[in-house]
N, C-alpha and C. Protein backbone atom coordinates (compact mmCIF):
# COMPACT_ATOMS: atom_id res chain seq x y z
N MET A 1 16.08 -58.80 -6.36
CA MET A 1 16.79 -57.56 -6.28
C MET A 1 16.91 -56.91 -7.63
N SER A 2 17.14 -55.59 -7.60
CA SER A 2 17.21 -54.89 -8.88
C SER A 2 18.64 -54.83 -9.36
N ASP A 3 18.79 -54.60 -10.69
CA ASP A 3 20.11 -54.56 -11.29
C ASP A 3 20.82 -53.23 -11.05
N ALA A 4 20.08 -52.13 -10.81
CA ALA A 4 20.68 -50.81 -10.65
C ALA A 4 21.23 -50.66 -9.25
N ALA A 5 22.36 -49.98 -9.16
CA ALA A 5 22.97 -49.75 -7.87
C ALA A 5 22.21 -48.64 -7.17
N PRO A 6 22.05 -48.70 -5.85
CA PRO A 6 21.27 -47.69 -5.15
C PRO A 6 21.94 -46.31 -5.19
N ASP A 7 23.23 -46.17 -5.36
CA ASP A 7 23.92 -44.89 -5.39
C ASP A 7 23.96 -44.28 -6.78
N ALA A 8 23.53 -44.94 -7.79
CA ALA A 8 23.62 -44.45 -9.16
C ALA A 8 22.54 -43.39 -9.41
N ALA A 9 22.94 -42.27 -10.02
CA ALA A 9 21.99 -41.20 -10.36
C ALA A 9 21.27 -41.55 -11.64
N PRO A 10 20.02 -41.14 -11.79
CA PRO A 10 19.31 -41.44 -13.03
C PRO A 10 19.95 -40.71 -14.20
N ALA A 11 19.84 -41.29 -15.34
CA ALA A 11 20.42 -40.69 -16.55
C ALA A 11 19.61 -39.44 -16.93
N PRO A 12 20.28 -38.32 -17.30
CA PRO A 12 19.55 -37.09 -17.66
C PRO A 12 18.71 -37.34 -18.91
N SER A 13 17.47 -36.79 -18.87
CA SER A 13 16.57 -36.98 -20.01
C SER A 13 16.52 -35.75 -20.91
N ALA A 14 17.04 -34.61 -20.44
CA ALA A 14 17.03 -33.40 -21.25
C ALA A 14 18.27 -32.58 -20.92
N ALA A 15 18.69 -31.79 -21.91
CA ALA A 15 19.85 -30.92 -21.69
C ALA A 15 19.37 -29.64 -21.01
N ILE A 16 20.05 -29.22 -20.00
CA ILE A 16 19.71 -27.99 -19.29
C ILE A 16 20.47 -26.85 -19.94
N ILE A 17 19.70 -25.81 -20.32
CA ILE A 17 20.29 -24.65 -20.98
C ILE A 17 20.38 -23.52 -19.96
N ALA A 18 21.50 -22.94 -19.82
CA ALA A 18 21.69 -21.86 -18.86
C ALA A 18 20.95 -20.60 -19.34
N PHE A 19 20.37 -19.87 -18.39
CA PHE A 19 19.68 -18.62 -18.71
C PHE A 19 20.71 -17.61 -19.16
N PRO A 20 20.45 -16.95 -20.30
CA PRO A 20 21.46 -15.99 -20.78
C PRO A 20 21.62 -14.83 -19.80
N ARG A 21 22.81 -14.43 -19.60
CA ARG A 21 23.10 -13.33 -18.69
C ARG A 21 23.72 -12.19 -19.48
N ARG A 22 23.35 -11.01 -19.08
CA ARG A 22 23.95 -9.84 -19.70
C ARG A 22 25.39 -9.72 -19.24
N PRO A 23 26.22 -9.30 -20.15
CA PRO A 23 27.60 -9.05 -19.69
C PRO A 23 27.58 -7.87 -18.72
N ARG A 24 28.48 -7.89 -17.80
CA ARG A 24 28.56 -6.79 -16.83
C ARG A 24 28.89 -5.50 -17.56
N GLU A 25 28.17 -4.45 -17.18
CA GLU A 25 28.42 -3.14 -17.79
C GLU A 25 29.34 -2.33 -16.89
N THR A 26 30.12 -1.53 -17.54
CA THR A 26 30.96 -0.60 -16.77
C THR A 26 30.06 0.57 -16.37
N PRO A 27 30.46 1.34 -15.39
CA PRO A 27 29.66 2.51 -15.02
C PRO A 27 29.44 3.46 -16.21
N GLN A 28 30.45 3.59 -17.07
CA GLN A 28 30.30 4.46 -18.24
C GLN A 28 29.25 3.91 -19.20
N GLN A 29 29.23 2.59 -19.36
CA GLN A 29 28.23 1.98 -20.24
C GLN A 29 26.83 2.16 -19.67
N ARG A 30 26.69 1.95 -18.36
CA ARG A 30 25.39 2.15 -17.72
C ARG A 30 24.94 3.60 -17.86
N LEU A 31 25.88 4.53 -17.68
CA LEU A 31 25.54 5.95 -17.82
C LEU A 31 25.13 6.26 -19.25
N ALA A 32 25.86 5.73 -20.21
CA ALA A 32 25.53 5.96 -21.61
C ALA A 32 24.14 5.41 -21.94
N ARG A 33 23.82 4.21 -21.43
CA ARG A 33 22.51 3.61 -21.68
C ARG A 33 21.41 4.46 -21.02
N ALA A 34 21.67 4.92 -19.81
CA ALA A 34 20.69 5.75 -19.11
C ALA A 34 20.49 7.08 -19.83
N LEU A 35 21.56 7.68 -20.31
CA LEU A 35 21.45 8.96 -21.03
C LEU A 35 20.71 8.79 -22.35
N THR A 36 20.93 7.67 -23.03
CA THR A 36 20.21 7.39 -24.26
C THR A 36 18.71 7.26 -23.99
N ALA A 37 18.38 6.53 -22.92
CA ALA A 37 16.96 6.38 -22.55
C ALA A 37 16.36 7.73 -22.17
N LEU A 38 17.12 8.54 -21.44
CA LEU A 38 16.64 9.86 -21.05
C LEU A 38 16.44 10.74 -22.27
N ASP A 39 17.37 10.69 -23.22
CA ASP A 39 17.25 11.47 -24.44
C ASP A 39 15.99 11.07 -25.21
N GLY A 40 15.71 9.77 -25.28
CA GLY A 40 14.50 9.30 -25.96
C GLY A 40 13.25 9.80 -25.26
N ALA A 41 13.24 9.74 -23.92
CA ALA A 41 12.09 10.22 -23.15
C ALA A 41 11.88 11.72 -23.36
N LEU A 42 12.98 12.48 -23.38
CA LEU A 42 12.86 13.93 -23.60
C LEU A 42 12.34 14.24 -24.99
N SER A 43 12.75 13.47 -25.97
CA SER A 43 12.25 13.67 -27.34
C SER A 43 10.75 13.42 -27.39
N GLN A 44 10.31 12.35 -26.74
CA GLN A 44 8.87 12.07 -26.70
C GLN A 44 8.13 13.17 -25.97
N GLN A 45 8.70 13.65 -24.89
CA GLN A 45 8.06 14.72 -24.12
C GLN A 45 7.96 15.99 -24.96
N ARG A 46 9.00 16.31 -25.71
CA ARG A 46 8.96 17.49 -26.58
C ARG A 46 7.83 17.38 -27.60
N ALA A 47 7.68 16.20 -28.17
CA ALA A 47 6.62 15.98 -29.16
C ALA A 47 5.24 16.14 -28.50
N VAL A 48 5.08 15.58 -27.32
CA VAL A 48 3.79 15.68 -26.63
C VAL A 48 3.50 17.13 -26.24
N VAL A 49 4.50 17.85 -25.77
CA VAL A 49 4.31 19.26 -25.40
C VAL A 49 3.96 20.08 -26.64
N ALA A 50 4.57 19.79 -27.77
CA ALA A 50 4.25 20.50 -29.01
C ALA A 50 2.80 20.22 -29.41
N GLN A 51 2.35 18.99 -29.30
CA GLN A 51 0.95 18.66 -29.60
C GLN A 51 0.01 19.38 -28.64
N TRP A 52 0.39 19.42 -27.37
CA TRP A 52 -0.44 20.10 -26.37
C TRP A 52 -0.54 21.59 -26.70
N ARG A 53 0.57 22.19 -27.08
CA ARG A 53 0.54 23.62 -27.44
C ARG A 53 -0.35 23.86 -28.66
N ASP A 54 -0.29 22.97 -29.64
CA ASP A 54 -1.17 23.09 -30.81
C ASP A 54 -2.63 22.99 -30.38
N SER A 55 -2.92 22.07 -29.48
CA SER A 55 -4.29 21.92 -28.98
C SER A 55 -4.75 23.17 -28.25
N VAL A 56 -3.87 23.74 -27.45
CA VAL A 56 -4.22 24.97 -26.72
C VAL A 56 -4.46 26.10 -27.71
N ALA A 57 -3.65 26.18 -28.75
CA ALA A 57 -3.84 27.23 -29.76
C ALA A 57 -5.18 27.04 -30.48
N GLN A 58 -5.52 25.80 -30.80
CA GLN A 58 -6.81 25.53 -31.45
C GLN A 58 -7.96 25.88 -30.51
N LEU A 59 -7.81 25.56 -29.24
CA LEU A 59 -8.84 25.89 -28.26
C LEU A 59 -8.99 27.41 -28.15
N GLN A 60 -7.89 28.11 -28.16
CA GLN A 60 -7.93 29.57 -28.08
C GLN A 60 -8.67 30.15 -29.29
N THR A 61 -8.39 29.61 -30.46
CA THR A 61 -9.07 30.06 -31.68
C THR A 61 -10.57 29.79 -31.59
N SER A 62 -10.92 28.59 -31.13
CA SER A 62 -12.33 28.24 -30.98
C SER A 62 -13.03 29.14 -29.97
N MET A 63 -12.37 29.39 -28.85
CA MET A 63 -12.97 30.24 -27.83
C MET A 63 -13.12 31.67 -28.32
N SER A 64 -12.15 32.14 -29.09
CA SER A 64 -12.25 33.48 -29.66
C SER A 64 -13.44 33.57 -30.60
N GLY A 65 -13.59 32.55 -31.46
CA GLY A 65 -14.74 32.52 -32.37
C GLY A 65 -16.06 32.45 -31.61
N LEU A 66 -16.08 31.68 -30.54
CA LEU A 66 -17.29 31.58 -29.72
C LEU A 66 -17.61 32.94 -29.09
N GLY A 67 -16.58 33.61 -28.60
CA GLY A 67 -16.78 34.94 -28.01
C GLY A 67 -17.34 35.92 -29.02
N GLU A 68 -16.81 35.89 -30.23
CA GLU A 68 -17.32 36.78 -31.29
C GLU A 68 -18.77 36.46 -31.61
N SER A 69 -19.10 35.17 -31.68
CA SER A 69 -20.49 34.77 -31.95
C SER A 69 -21.42 35.25 -30.84
N LEU A 70 -20.97 35.12 -29.60
CA LEU A 70 -21.81 35.58 -28.49
C LEU A 70 -22.01 37.09 -28.52
N HIS A 71 -21.00 37.84 -28.91
CA HIS A 71 -21.15 39.31 -29.03
C HIS A 71 -22.15 39.65 -30.13
N ARG A 72 -22.06 38.95 -31.27
CA ARG A 72 -23.03 39.21 -32.34
C ARG A 72 -24.44 38.86 -31.88
N TYR A 73 -24.58 37.76 -31.18
CA TYR A 73 -25.88 37.33 -30.68
C TYR A 73 -26.44 38.37 -29.71
N ARG A 74 -25.59 38.86 -28.80
CA ARG A 74 -26.02 39.89 -27.85
C ARG A 74 -26.44 41.16 -28.58
N ASP A 75 -25.67 41.56 -29.60
CA ASP A 75 -26.02 42.76 -30.37
C ASP A 75 -27.36 42.58 -31.09
N ARG A 76 -27.58 41.38 -31.65
CA ARG A 76 -28.85 41.12 -32.34
C ARG A 76 -30.01 41.13 -31.34
N LEU A 77 -29.80 40.59 -30.16
CA LEU A 77 -30.84 40.62 -29.13
C LEU A 77 -31.14 42.06 -28.71
N ALA A 78 -30.12 42.88 -28.61
CA ALA A 78 -30.34 44.29 -28.24
C ALA A 78 -31.15 44.99 -29.33
N THR A 79 -30.82 44.71 -30.59
CA THR A 79 -31.58 45.31 -31.70
C THR A 79 -33.03 44.83 -31.66
N LEU A 80 -33.22 43.52 -31.46
CA LEU A 80 -34.57 42.96 -31.39
C LEU A 80 -35.34 43.56 -30.22
N SER A 81 -34.67 43.74 -29.09
CA SER A 81 -35.32 44.34 -27.93
C SER A 81 -35.83 45.74 -28.26
N GLY A 82 -35.02 46.52 -28.95
CA GLY A 82 -35.44 47.86 -29.36
C GLY A 82 -36.63 47.81 -30.30
N GLU A 83 -36.61 46.89 -31.26
CA GLU A 83 -37.72 46.77 -32.21
C GLU A 83 -39.00 46.32 -31.51
N VAL A 84 -38.88 45.40 -30.56
CA VAL A 84 -40.05 44.94 -29.80
C VAL A 84 -40.60 46.10 -28.97
N ALA A 85 -39.75 46.91 -28.39
CA ALA A 85 -40.21 48.06 -27.60
C ALA A 85 -40.99 49.03 -28.48
N VAL A 86 -40.52 49.27 -29.70
CA VAL A 86 -41.24 50.17 -30.63
C VAL A 86 -42.60 49.59 -30.97
N VAL A 87 -42.64 48.29 -31.31
CA VAL A 87 -43.91 47.64 -31.66
C VAL A 87 -44.85 47.63 -30.45
N ASN A 88 -44.30 47.42 -29.26
CA ASN A 88 -45.12 47.43 -28.05
C ASN A 88 -45.74 48.80 -27.82
N THR A 89 -44.94 49.85 -28.01
CA THR A 89 -45.46 51.22 -27.86
C THR A 89 -46.57 51.48 -28.89
N GLN A 90 -46.35 51.06 -30.13
CA GLN A 90 -47.38 51.24 -31.16
C GLN A 90 -48.65 50.46 -30.81
N ALA A 91 -48.50 49.27 -30.27
CA ALA A 91 -49.67 48.47 -29.90
C ALA A 91 -50.45 49.15 -28.77
N LYS A 92 -49.74 49.70 -27.81
CA LYS A 92 -50.41 50.40 -26.70
C LYS A 92 -51.13 51.65 -27.21
N ASP A 93 -50.46 52.38 -28.11
CA ASP A 93 -51.09 53.57 -28.69
C ASP A 93 -52.35 53.19 -29.47
N LEU A 94 -52.27 52.09 -30.23
CA LEU A 94 -53.42 51.63 -31.00
C LEU A 94 -54.55 51.19 -30.07
N ALA A 95 -54.22 50.51 -28.99
CA ALA A 95 -55.25 50.09 -28.03
C ALA A 95 -55.90 51.31 -27.38
N ALA A 96 -55.09 52.32 -27.05
CA ALA A 96 -55.65 53.54 -26.44
C ALA A 96 -56.56 54.27 -27.44
N TRP A 97 -56.15 54.32 -28.69
CA TRP A 97 -56.97 54.96 -29.72
C TRP A 97 -58.30 54.22 -29.87
N ALA A 98 -58.21 52.87 -29.89
CA ALA A 98 -59.42 52.07 -30.06
C ALA A 98 -60.35 52.27 -28.87
N THR A 99 -59.82 52.42 -27.66
CA THR A 99 -60.65 52.63 -26.49
C THR A 99 -61.33 53.99 -26.56
N ARG A 100 -60.65 55.01 -27.04
CA ARG A 100 -61.22 56.34 -27.16
C ARG A 100 -62.31 56.41 -28.22
N HIS A 101 -62.20 55.61 -29.26
CA HIS A 101 -63.15 55.70 -30.36
C HIS A 101 -64.22 54.60 -30.30
N GLU A 102 -64.33 53.92 -29.18
CA GLU A 102 -65.40 52.93 -29.04
C GLU A 102 -66.71 53.68 -28.88
N GLY A 103 -67.69 53.14 -29.33
CA GLY A 103 -68.99 53.76 -29.33
C GLY A 103 -69.67 53.80 -28.07
């Protein structure tokens, strides 16, 4: 037979540490914590909205510059078209002259 009594519990091998619990908050404390978190979120949102507005302003500037470049390009193409038309007319006149003076 064994020396230990059958009803005896085994000796604990480690100390059990209780999980820390938050102290109970009053409704005012919970509200204050929630308002602080909300204030932080609103501050972050304000910063993000300000960055977004800056980005939109930069995009507007870029688009304006692109529009101006396209207008200049269109104007240059119109000028080139006029010059090509003049050269084309001169070429046709020269071809007609050459046809008349062929032997």
